[in-house]
Amino acid sequence: MKRSHFWILTALLVVSCGGDDGAGPVDDGGNSTTDPTPTTPGTPNGAPTTQSIGPAGGTITSADGLFSITIPPGALASPAASSPALETDITIQPITNTAWGGVGSSYRLLPDGLTFAEPVELNFTLEDSLLWGSDTSFVDVARQKDDGVWGILKSRRIDWESRTLTC
């Protein structure tokens, strides 16, 4: 995810479903439509976590401990050669999950529009209560774009022993 933006309305974990729950749009044949249907952005539902991270990188973890962002060295390049120690305030704001079929926690990542020079890692803890009764091959991370439409992040890996999903 090189040079990706830090999305304003990213809300994330997780599309984990065992079947159609009727929450999404349906056509006359009972199949999900292919037209994306936007949802409203989530609303804050917990304490935000903010940490200053500079060019050396670092990790910030949500207040609930279920989500973290690892920013590698060089991903937040110094904006001015004369200020190599300048840091960026990164915020994780828990929000309500409004994704179609979404379960689990959602987070808004700030500041909006931040661009990274190197890929960052998004790390989620997978709670057993979220996985019970679901086909684990459908555990994914979704993000909400500015227009309210959701998309699945394609590059992800799951460590079932440690119950972590990383993308």
Protein backbone atom coordinates (compact mmCIF):
# COMPACT_ATOMS: atom_id res chain seq x y z
CA MET A 1 0.00 0.00 0.00
CA LYS A 2 2.78 2.34 -0.92
CA ARG A 3 1.95 6.03 -0.85
CA SER A 4 -1.55 5.32 0.40
CA HIS A 5 -3.59 7.95 2.15
CA PHE A 6 -4.55 7.90 5.77
CA TRP A 7 -8.27 7.75 5.15
CA ILE A 8 -10.70 10.10 6.85
CA LEU A 9 -13.48 7.60 7.26
CA THR A 10 -11.63 4.42 7.64
CA ALA A 11 -13.49 2.11 9.63
CA LEU A 12 -12.20 -1.20 9.78
CA LEU A 13 -12.60 -4.53 11.11
CA VAL A 14 -14.16 -6.68 9.72
CA VAL A 15 -16.40 -8.36 7.30
CA SER A 16 -16.87 -11.80 8.78
CA CYS A 17 -20.07 -13.46 7.71
CA GLY A 18 -21.56 -16.88 7.37
CA GLY A 19 -24.33 -15.88 4.99
CA ASP A 20 -26.67 -13.11 3.91
CA ASP A 21 -28.02 -11.27 6.91
CA GLY A 22 -30.33 -9.14 4.79
CA ALA A 23 -28.52 -5.95 5.76
CA GLY A 24 -27.30 -5.07 2.27
CA PRO A 25 -29.15 -4.21 -0.91
CA VAL A 26 -30.77 -7.15 -2.71
CA ASP A 27 -32.00 -7.50 -6.29
CA ASP A 28 -35.15 -9.36 -7.39
CA GLY A 29 -33.29 -12.69 -7.57
CA GLY A 30 -32.22 -12.53 -3.93
CA ASN A 31 -28.55 -12.01 -4.81
CA SER A 32 -26.51 -9.09 -3.58
CA THR A 33 -26.30 -6.34 -6.16
CA THR A 34 -22.96 -5.30 -7.63
CA ASP A 35 -23.65 -1.58 -7.25
CA PRO A 36 -21.91 -0.24 -4.16
CA THR A 37 -24.27 1.28 -1.64
CA PRO A 38 -22.77 3.91 0.65
CA THR A 39 -23.43 4.04 4.36
CA THR A 40 -23.17 6.92 6.76
CA PRO A 41 -19.84 7.39 8.52
CA GLY A 42 -19.46 5.92 11.97
CA THR A 43 -19.79 8.16 15.00
CA PRO A 44 -17.25 8.33 17.84
CA ASN A 45 -17.88 5.71 20.52
CA GLY A 46 -14.75 5.72 22.64
CA ALA A 47 -11.70 7.65 23.68
CA PRO A 48 -9.32 8.62 20.88
CA THR A 49 -5.63 7.78 21.14
CA THR A 50 -3.10 10.28 19.79
CA GLN A 51 0.65 9.84 19.53
CA SER A 52 3.35 11.94 17.90
CA ILE A 53 5.40 9.92 15.41
CA GLY A 54 8.40 11.24 13.53
CA PRO A 55 10.61 10.12 10.66
CA ALA A 56 12.02 7.26 12.79
CA GLY A 57 8.55 5.61 12.77
CA GLY A 58 6.66 4.01 15.61
CA THR A 59 3.49 2.20 16.65
CA ILE A 60 0.24 3.60 18.01
CA THR A 61 -2.38 1.36 19.63
CA SER A 62 -6.08 2.07 20.13
CA ALA A 63 -7.38 2.58 23.68
CA ASP A 64 -9.15 -0.82 23.56
CA GLY A 65 -5.88 -2.56 22.57
CA LEU A 66 -7.53 -4.28 19.57
CA PHE A 67 -5.98 -2.18 16.78
CA SER A 68 -2.57 -0.70 16.09
CA ILE A 69 -0.75 1.05 13.26
CA THR A 70 2.94 0.39 12.73
CA ILE A 71 4.67 3.17 10.80
CA PRO A 72 8.14 2.20 9.56
CA PRO A 73 11.17 4.52 9.49
CA GLY A 74 10.97 6.92 6.57
CA ALA A 75 7.20 6.59 6.08
CA LEU A 76 6.69 10.01 7.64
CA ALA A 77 9.44 11.95 5.96
CA SER A 78 10.50 15.16 7.59
CA PRO A 79 8.70 18.07 5.88
CA ALA A 80 11.82 20.23 6.06
CA ALA A 81 15.49 19.30 6.07
CA SER A 82 16.01 21.96 8.73
CA SER A 83 13.52 20.20 11.06
CA PRO A 84 14.44 16.51 11.01
CA ALA A 85 12.78 15.89 14.39
CA LEU A 86 9.37 17.24 13.35
CA GLU A 87 6.63 14.78 14.34
CA THR A 88 3.09 14.12 13.13
CA ASP A 89 0.19 13.57 15.54
CA ILE A 90 -1.52 10.31 14.57
CA THR A 91 -4.98 9.64 16.04
CA ILE A 92 -7.06 6.47 16.28
CA GLN A 93 -10.71 7.32 17.02
CA PRO A 94 -13.04 4.36 17.78
CA ILE A 95 -16.31 4.75 15.83
CA THR A 96 -19.49 2.78 15.26
CA ASN A 97 -19.23 0.11 12.56
CA THR A 98 -21.55 0.95 9.65
CA ALA A 99 -20.11 -1.50 7.08
CA TRP A 100 -22.58 -3.83 5.34
CA GLY A 101 -22.29 -7.16 7.21
CA GLY A 102 -19.52 -5.70 9.34
CA VAL A 103 -18.83 -6.95 12.84
CA GLY A 104 -16.22 -5.87 15.32
CA SER A 105 -14.53 -2.60 16.05
CA SER A 106 -14.15 0.32 13.66
CA TYR A 107 -11.72 3.19 13.77
CA ARG A 108 -11.25 6.57 12.12
CA LEU A 109 -7.60 7.31 11.36
CA LEU A 110 -6.41 10.90 11.43
CA PRO A 111 -5.12 13.25 10.14
CA ASP A 112 -7.11 12.99 6.95
CA GLY A 113 -5.11 13.07 3.72
CA LEU A 114 -1.80 12.04 5.27
CA THR A 115 0.39 10.28 2.69
CA PHE A 116 3.10 7.78 3.62
CA ALA A 117 6.37 7.35 1.74
CA GLU A 118 6.51 3.67 2.82
CA PRO A 119 3.78 1.08 3.48
CA VAL A 120 2.31 1.02 6.99
CA GLU A 121 0.85 -2.00 8.82
CA LEU A 122 -2.66 -2.14 10.23
CA ASN A 123 -2.91 -4.79 12.96
CA PHE A 124 -6.14 -6.17 14.43
CA THR A 125 -6.70 -8.58 17.30
CA LEU A 126 -9.33 -11.15 16.31
CA GLU A 127 -11.58 -11.88 19.25
CA ASP A 128 -13.13 -15.35 19.38
CA SER A 129 -16.60 -13.81 19.83
CA LEU A 130 -16.29 -12.21 16.38
CA LEU A 131 -15.34 -15.46 14.68
CA TRP A 132 -17.85 -17.85 16.22
CA GLY A 133 -20.26 -19.20 13.58
CA SER A 134 -18.40 -17.53 10.69
CA ASP A 135 -16.39 -18.95 7.84
CA THR A 136 -12.94 -17.64 8.72
CA SER A 137 -12.00 -17.36 5.04
CA PHE A 138 -14.27 -14.29 4.96
CA VAL A 139 -12.45 -12.38 7.69
CA ASP A 140 -11.29 -9.16 6.05
CA VAL A 141 -10.68 -5.51 6.72
CA ALA A 142 -12.90 -2.95 5.03
CA ARG A 143 -12.37 0.75 4.57
CA GLN A 144 -14.88 3.46 3.88
CA LYS A 145 -14.03 6.05 1.25
CA ASP A 146 -15.10 9.69 1.40
CA ASP A 147 -18.22 8.89 -0.68
CA GLY A 148 -19.41 6.35 1.94
CA VAL A 149 -18.71 3.29 -0.22
CA TRP A 150 -16.84 0.38 1.36
CA GLY A 151 -14.00 -1.66 -0.09
CA ILE A 152 -12.03 -4.65 1.16
CA LEU A 153 -8.29 -4.25 1.67
CA LYS A 154 -6.82 -7.00 -0.52
CA SER A 155 -3.42 -7.53 1.05
CA ARG A 156 -3.89 -9.19 4.42
CA ARG A 157 -2.49 -12.06 6.43
CA ILE A 158 -3.89 -13.83 9.47
CA ASP A 159 -1.89 -15.51 12.22
CA TRP A 160 -4.42 -17.87 13.77
CA GLU A 161 -2.15 -18.79 16.69
CA SER A 162 -1.81 -15.20 17.87
CA ARG A 163 -5.29 -14.24 16.57
CA THR A 164 -4.00 -11.25 14.62
CA LEU A 165 -4.90 -9.91 11.19
CA THR A 166 -2.35 -7.65 9.51
CA CYS A 167 -2.70 -5.65 6.32
